[in-house]
N, C-alpha and C. Protein backbone atom coordinates (compact mmCIF):
# COMPACT_ATOMS: atom_id res chain seq x y z
N UNK A 1 -23.09 16.44 -54.82
CA UNK A 1 -23.34 17.58 -53.97
C UNK A 1 -22.81 17.28 -52.57
N UNK A 2 -22.36 18.32 -51.91
CA UNK A 2 -21.83 18.21 -50.56
C UNK A 2 -22.50 19.23 -49.66
N UNK A 3 -22.70 18.84 -48.41
CA UNK A 3 -23.18 19.78 -47.40
C UNK A 3 -21.97 20.22 -46.59
N UNK A 4 -21.81 21.52 -46.48
CA UNK A 4 -20.72 22.11 -45.71
C UNK A 4 -21.32 22.69 -44.44
N UNK A 5 -20.89 22.21 -43.28
CA UNK A 5 -21.31 22.74 -41.98
C UNK A 5 -20.12 23.45 -41.36
N UNK A 6 -20.27 24.72 -41.06
CA UNK A 6 -19.21 25.51 -40.44
C UNK A 6 -19.68 25.95 -39.07
N UNK A 7 -18.92 25.60 -38.05
CA UNK A 7 -19.19 26.06 -36.69
C UNK A 7 -18.04 26.98 -36.31
N UNK A 8 -18.36 28.24 -36.01
CA UNK A 8 -17.31 29.22 -35.71
C UNK A 8 -17.86 30.35 -34.86
N UNK A 9 -17.05 31.36 -34.67
CA UNK A 9 -17.44 32.52 -33.86
C UNK A 9 -18.49 33.36 -34.59
N UNK A 10 -19.43 33.94 -33.84
CA UNK A 10 -20.50 34.73 -34.46
C UNK A 10 -20.00 35.88 -35.34
N UNK A 11 -18.91 36.50 -34.96
CA UNK A 11 -18.43 37.65 -35.73
C UNK A 11 -17.88 37.25 -37.11
N UNK A 12 -17.77 35.97 -37.38
CA UNK A 12 -17.28 35.50 -38.67
C UNK A 12 -18.39 35.31 -39.71
N UNK A 13 -19.64 35.58 -39.35
CA UNK A 13 -20.76 35.33 -40.25
C UNK A 13 -20.68 36.15 -41.54
N UNK A 14 -20.35 37.42 -41.45
CA UNK A 14 -20.30 38.26 -42.66
C UNK A 14 -19.25 37.70 -43.63
N UNK A 15 -18.10 37.34 -43.13
CA UNK A 15 -17.06 36.76 -43.98
C UNK A 15 -17.49 35.46 -44.62
N UNK A 16 -18.18 34.62 -43.86
CA UNK A 16 -18.67 33.36 -44.41
C UNK A 16 -19.68 33.59 -45.52
N UNK A 17 -20.57 34.55 -45.33
CA UNK A 17 -21.55 34.86 -46.36
C UNK A 17 -20.86 35.26 -47.66
N UNK A 18 -19.83 36.07 -47.57
CA UNK A 18 -19.09 36.50 -48.75
C UNK A 18 -18.39 35.32 -49.42
N UNK A 19 -17.81 34.44 -48.63
CA UNK A 19 -17.11 33.27 -49.18
C UNK A 19 -18.08 32.36 -49.92
N UNK A 20 -19.21 32.05 -49.30
CA UNK A 20 -20.19 31.18 -49.96
C UNK A 20 -20.70 31.82 -51.25
N UNK A 21 -20.90 33.13 -51.25
CA UNK A 21 -21.39 33.81 -52.45
C UNK A 21 -20.40 33.71 -53.59
N UNK A 22 -19.10 33.78 -53.31
CA UNK A 22 -18.10 33.69 -54.37
C UNK A 22 -17.93 32.27 -54.90
N UNK A 23 -18.50 31.30 -54.22
CA UNK A 23 -18.38 29.90 -54.64
C UNK A 23 -19.70 29.33 -55.15
N UNK A 24 -20.45 30.16 -55.84
CA UNK A 24 -21.70 29.71 -56.49
C UNK A 24 -22.67 29.03 -55.52
N UNK A 25 -22.77 29.59 -54.33
CA UNK A 25 -23.69 29.05 -53.34
C UNK A 25 -24.76 30.11 -53.07
N UNK A 26 -25.91 29.99 -53.70
CA UNK A 26 -26.92 31.03 -53.58
C UNK A 26 -27.69 31.03 -52.27
N UNK A 27 -27.60 29.97 -51.50
CA UNK A 27 -28.37 29.92 -50.26
C UNK A 27 -27.60 29.25 -49.14
N UNK A 28 -27.95 29.62 -47.93
CA UNK A 28 -27.33 29.02 -46.75
C UNK A 28 -28.27 29.20 -45.57
N UNK A 29 -28.00 28.49 -44.52
CA UNK A 29 -28.77 28.61 -43.29
C UNK A 29 -27.79 28.89 -42.16
N UNK A 30 -28.12 29.83 -41.29
CA UNK A 30 -27.27 30.17 -40.15
C UNK A 30 -28.09 30.06 -38.87
N UNK A 31 -27.49 29.43 -37.88
CA UNK A 31 -28.13 29.24 -36.58
C UNK A 31 -27.20 29.72 -35.48
N UNK A 32 -27.76 30.29 -34.43
CA UNK A 32 -26.99 30.58 -33.23
C UNK A 32 -26.98 29.33 -32.37
N UNK A 33 -25.78 28.92 -31.97
CA UNK A 33 -25.64 27.71 -31.17
C UNK A 33 -24.67 28.00 -30.02
N UNK A 34 -24.57 27.07 -29.11
CA UNK A 34 -23.60 27.15 -28.01
C UNK A 34 -22.74 25.90 -28.08
N UNK A 35 -21.46 26.04 -27.76
CA UNK A 35 -20.61 24.86 -27.80
C UNK A 35 -19.24 25.11 -27.23
N UNK A 36 -18.50 24.04 -27.14
CA UNK A 36 -17.10 24.12 -26.71
C UNK A 36 -16.34 22.98 -27.37
N UNK A 37 -15.06 23.16 -27.46
CA UNK A 37 -14.18 22.15 -28.03
C UNK A 37 -12.93 22.04 -27.19
N UNK A 38 -11.80 22.14 -27.85
CA UNK A 38 -10.52 22.02 -27.16
C UNK A 38 -10.32 23.06 -26.07
N UNK A 39 -10.90 24.23 -26.28
CA UNK A 39 -10.74 25.29 -25.28
C UNK A 39 -11.61 25.04 -24.06
N UNK A 40 -12.47 24.05 -24.10
CA UNK A 40 -13.35 23.68 -22.99
C UNK A 40 -14.25 24.83 -22.56
N UNK A 41 -14.56 25.70 -23.52
CA UNK A 41 -15.48 26.79 -23.23
C UNK A 41 -14.91 27.86 -22.33
N UNK A 42 -13.59 27.96 -22.26
CA UNK A 42 -13.01 28.94 -21.35
C UNK A 42 -12.37 30.08 -22.14
N UNK A 43 -12.80 31.30 -21.85
CA UNK A 43 -12.15 32.51 -22.34
C UNK A 43 -11.91 33.42 -21.15
N UNK A 44 -10.68 33.80 -20.88
CA UNK A 44 -10.40 34.64 -19.69
C UNK A 44 -11.25 35.90 -19.64
N UNK A 45 -11.49 36.54 -20.79
CA UNK A 45 -12.25 37.79 -20.79
C UNK A 45 -13.73 37.58 -20.46
N UNK A 46 -14.20 36.32 -20.46
CA UNK A 46 -15.60 36.06 -20.14
C UNK A 46 -15.75 35.42 -18.75
N UNK A 47 -14.68 35.35 -18.00
CA UNK A 47 -14.71 34.71 -16.68
C UNK A 47 -14.97 35.75 -15.60
N UNK A 48 -16.18 36.32 -15.63
CA UNK A 48 -16.55 37.43 -14.75
C UNK A 48 -16.54 37.07 -13.27
N UNK A 49 -17.06 35.90 -12.94
CA UNK A 49 -17.29 35.57 -11.53
C UNK A 49 -16.40 34.44 -11.05
N UNK A 50 -15.36 34.10 -11.80
CA UNK A 50 -14.46 33.06 -11.36
C UNK A 50 -14.95 31.66 -11.68
N UNK A 51 -16.12 31.54 -12.26
CA UNK A 51 -16.65 30.22 -12.61
C UNK A 51 -16.21 29.86 -14.03
N UNK A 52 -15.96 28.58 -14.25
CA UNK A 52 -15.65 28.14 -15.60
C UNK A 52 -16.91 28.18 -16.45
N UNK A 53 -16.76 28.68 -17.66
CA UNK A 53 -17.86 28.67 -18.63
C UNK A 53 -17.63 27.46 -19.51
N UNK A 54 -18.64 26.63 -19.66
CA UNK A 54 -18.40 25.44 -20.46
C UNK A 54 -19.02 25.49 -21.84
N UNK A 55 -19.80 26.50 -22.17
CA UNK A 55 -20.34 26.66 -23.50
C UNK A 55 -20.20 28.12 -23.93
N UNK A 56 -19.76 28.31 -25.16
CA UNK A 56 -19.59 29.65 -25.70
C UNK A 56 -20.52 29.85 -26.89
N UNK A 57 -20.92 31.09 -27.16
CA UNK A 57 -21.77 31.34 -28.33
C UNK A 57 -20.99 31.07 -29.61
N UNK A 58 -21.63 30.37 -30.52
CA UNK A 58 -21.06 30.06 -31.83
C UNK A 58 -22.17 30.22 -32.86
N UNK A 59 -21.80 30.16 -34.13
CA UNK A 59 -22.80 30.07 -35.19
C UNK A 59 -22.55 28.78 -35.96
N UNK A 60 -23.62 28.23 -36.47
CA UNK A 60 -23.56 27.08 -37.36
C UNK A 60 -24.13 27.54 -38.69
N UNK A 61 -23.30 27.53 -39.71
CA UNK A 61 -23.72 27.91 -41.05
C UNK A 61 -23.63 26.67 -41.91
N UNK A 62 -24.72 26.34 -42.61
CA UNK A 62 -24.61 25.21 -43.53
C UNK A 62 -25.21 25.54 -44.87
N UNK A 63 -24.63 24.90 -45.88
CA UNK A 63 -25.05 25.11 -47.26
C UNK A 63 -24.72 23.85 -48.05
N UNK A 64 -25.41 23.68 -49.17
CA UNK A 64 -25.14 22.58 -50.07
C UNK A 64 -24.50 23.17 -51.32
N UNK A 65 -23.37 22.59 -51.71
CA UNK A 65 -22.62 23.08 -52.86
C UNK A 65 -22.29 21.94 -53.81
N UNK A 66 -21.92 22.29 -55.03
CA UNK A 66 -21.47 21.30 -56.00
C UNK A 66 -20.11 20.75 -55.57
N UNK A 67 -19.85 19.50 -55.90
CA UNK A 67 -18.61 18.84 -55.49
C UNK A 67 -17.35 19.63 -55.86
N UNK A 68 -17.35 20.21 -57.07
CA UNK A 68 -16.15 20.91 -57.54
C UNK A 68 -15.87 22.20 -56.77
N UNK A 69 -16.80 22.68 -55.99
CA UNK A 69 -16.60 23.91 -55.21
C UNK A 69 -15.95 23.66 -53.85
N UNK A 70 -15.92 22.41 -53.40
CA UNK A 70 -15.56 22.11 -52.01
C UNK A 70 -14.14 22.52 -51.66
N UNK A 71 -13.14 22.11 -52.43
CA UNK A 71 -11.75 22.39 -52.07
C UNK A 71 -11.46 23.88 -52.01
N UNK A 72 -11.91 24.62 -53.00
CA UNK A 72 -11.71 26.07 -52.99
C UNK A 72 -12.43 26.73 -51.84
N UNK A 73 -13.62 26.25 -51.54
CA UNK A 73 -14.41 26.78 -50.43
C UNK A 73 -13.70 26.55 -49.10
N UNK A 74 -13.19 25.34 -48.90
CA UNK A 74 -12.48 25.04 -47.65
C UNK A 74 -11.22 25.89 -47.51
N UNK A 75 -10.49 26.07 -48.60
CA UNK A 75 -9.28 26.90 -48.56
C UNK A 75 -9.61 28.34 -48.21
N UNK A 76 -10.68 28.87 -48.81
CA UNK A 76 -11.06 30.26 -48.54
C UNK A 76 -11.58 30.44 -47.11
N UNK A 77 -12.31 29.44 -46.60
CA UNK A 77 -12.79 29.52 -45.21
C UNK A 77 -11.61 29.55 -44.26
N UNK A 78 -10.64 28.68 -44.47
CA UNK A 78 -9.47 28.63 -43.59
C UNK A 78 -8.70 29.94 -43.62
N UNK A 79 -8.50 30.48 -44.82
CA UNK A 79 -7.75 31.72 -44.97
C UNK A 79 -8.49 32.91 -44.37
N UNK A 80 -9.79 33.00 -44.64
CA UNK A 80 -10.55 34.20 -44.26
C UNK A 80 -10.93 34.24 -42.79
N UNK A 81 -11.28 33.11 -42.20
CA UNK A 81 -11.77 33.19 -40.82
C UNK A 81 -10.86 32.53 -39.80
N UNK A 82 -9.82 31.87 -40.27
CA UNK A 82 -8.89 31.25 -39.33
C UNK A 82 -7.97 32.28 -38.70
N UNK A 83 -7.81 32.19 -37.38
CA UNK A 83 -6.89 33.10 -36.68
C UNK A 83 -5.71 32.33 -36.09
N UNK A 84 -5.79 31.01 -36.11
CA UNK A 84 -4.73 30.20 -35.53
C UNK A 84 -4.87 30.01 -34.03
N UNK A 85 -6.01 30.41 -33.48
CA UNK A 85 -6.21 30.26 -32.04
C UNK A 85 -7.37 29.30 -31.77
N UNK A 86 -7.41 28.80 -30.54
CA UNK A 86 -8.52 27.95 -30.14
C UNK A 86 -9.83 28.70 -30.34
N UNK A 87 -10.85 27.98 -30.78
CA UNK A 87 -12.16 28.59 -30.94
C UNK A 87 -12.46 29.02 -32.37
N UNK A 88 -11.51 28.84 -33.29
CA UNK A 88 -11.77 29.18 -34.69
C UNK A 88 -12.92 28.35 -35.25
N UNK A 89 -13.04 27.11 -34.80
CA UNK A 89 -14.17 26.30 -35.20
C UNK A 89 -13.81 25.07 -36.00
N UNK A 90 -14.83 24.48 -36.59
CA UNK A 90 -14.69 23.26 -37.37
C UNK A 90 -15.54 23.38 -38.63
N UNK A 91 -15.15 22.61 -39.66
CA UNK A 91 -15.94 22.48 -40.88
C UNK A 91 -16.15 20.99 -41.11
N UNK A 92 -17.38 20.60 -41.36
CA UNK A 92 -17.71 19.22 -41.67
C UNK A 92 -18.26 19.17 -43.09
N UNK A 93 -17.82 18.18 -43.84
CA UNK A 93 -18.26 17.99 -45.22
C UNK A 93 -18.92 16.63 -45.32
N UNK A 94 -20.17 16.61 -45.77
CA UNK A 94 -20.89 15.35 -45.91
C UNK A 94 -21.53 15.26 -47.29
N UNK A 95 -21.74 14.04 -47.75
CA UNK A 95 -22.40 13.82 -49.03
C UNK A 95 -23.89 14.11 -48.92
N UNK A 96 -24.43 14.69 -49.97
CA UNK A 96 -25.88 14.90 -50.09
C UNK A 96 -26.35 14.00 -51.23
N UNK A 97 -27.20 13.06 -50.91
CA UNK A 97 -27.66 12.11 -51.92
C UNK A 97 -28.63 12.72 -52.91
N UNK A 98 -29.48 13.62 -52.45
CA UNK A 98 -30.46 14.24 -53.31
C UNK A 98 -30.97 15.49 -52.63
N UNK A 99 -31.60 16.34 -53.41
CA UNK A 99 -32.25 17.54 -52.90
C UNK A 99 -33.48 17.79 -53.76
N UNK A 100 -34.48 18.46 -53.19
CA UNK A 100 -35.67 18.79 -53.96
C UNK A 100 -36.15 20.17 -53.56
N UNK A 101 -36.38 21.01 -54.56
CA UNK A 101 -37.01 22.30 -54.32
C UNK A 101 -38.51 22.04 -54.27
N UNK A 102 -39.14 22.32 -53.15
CA UNK A 102 -40.55 21.98 -52.95
C UNK A 102 -41.45 22.71 -53.94
N UNK A 103 -41.17 23.99 -54.19
CA UNK A 103 -42.04 24.79 -55.05
C UNK A 103 -42.15 24.22 -56.46
N UNK A 104 -41.03 23.74 -57.03
CA UNK A 104 -41.03 23.32 -58.44
C UNK A 104 -40.80 21.83 -58.64
N UNK A 105 -40.49 21.12 -57.57
CA UNK A 105 -40.14 19.69 -57.63
C UNK A 105 -38.82 19.43 -58.36
N UNK A 106 -38.00 20.46 -58.56
CA UNK A 106 -36.69 20.25 -59.17
C UNK A 106 -35.86 19.38 -58.23
N UNK A 107 -35.02 18.53 -58.81
CA UNK A 107 -34.23 17.60 -58.01
C UNK A 107 -32.74 17.76 -58.28
N UNK A 108 -31.94 17.26 -57.36
CA UNK A 108 -30.49 17.26 -57.53
C UNK A 108 -29.91 18.65 -57.58
N UNK A 109 -28.92 18.82 -58.46
CA UNK A 109 -28.21 20.11 -58.59
C UNK A 109 -29.17 21.25 -58.96
N UNK A 110 -30.20 20.94 -59.74
CA UNK A 110 -31.15 22.00 -60.12
C UNK A 110 -31.86 22.57 -58.90
N UNK A 111 -32.03 21.78 -57.87
CA UNK A 111 -32.73 22.23 -56.67
C UNK A 111 -31.91 23.19 -55.83
N UNK A 112 -30.59 23.18 -55.97
CA UNK A 112 -29.77 24.05 -55.13
C UNK A 112 -29.26 25.28 -55.86
N UNK A 113 -29.59 25.42 -57.13
CA UNK A 113 -29.13 26.59 -57.90
C UNK A 113 -30.13 27.71 -57.78
């Protein structure tokens, strides 16, 4: 199992939900976050008062998926939400050693289905 963390623009949430659904991912968590990367938090259209903005609104969406879903998921994320401009975001993939559904005590892959 792998955990996929996607940090991107808030308006990309609907597209991400659709992508995860098509890749056998029944659940996900989404958080509103603030951040900056290469763009250093600067967008000309948000520079109202001449001050540099160092953090921009982003979303963090994470989900746990089966290993075989990862490559297709990454390809679809890049195609669907990538614009080729600064601020598109990042995706992090990490190993998940185990999972447990609290209600039933199911473990591993059974816990994420």
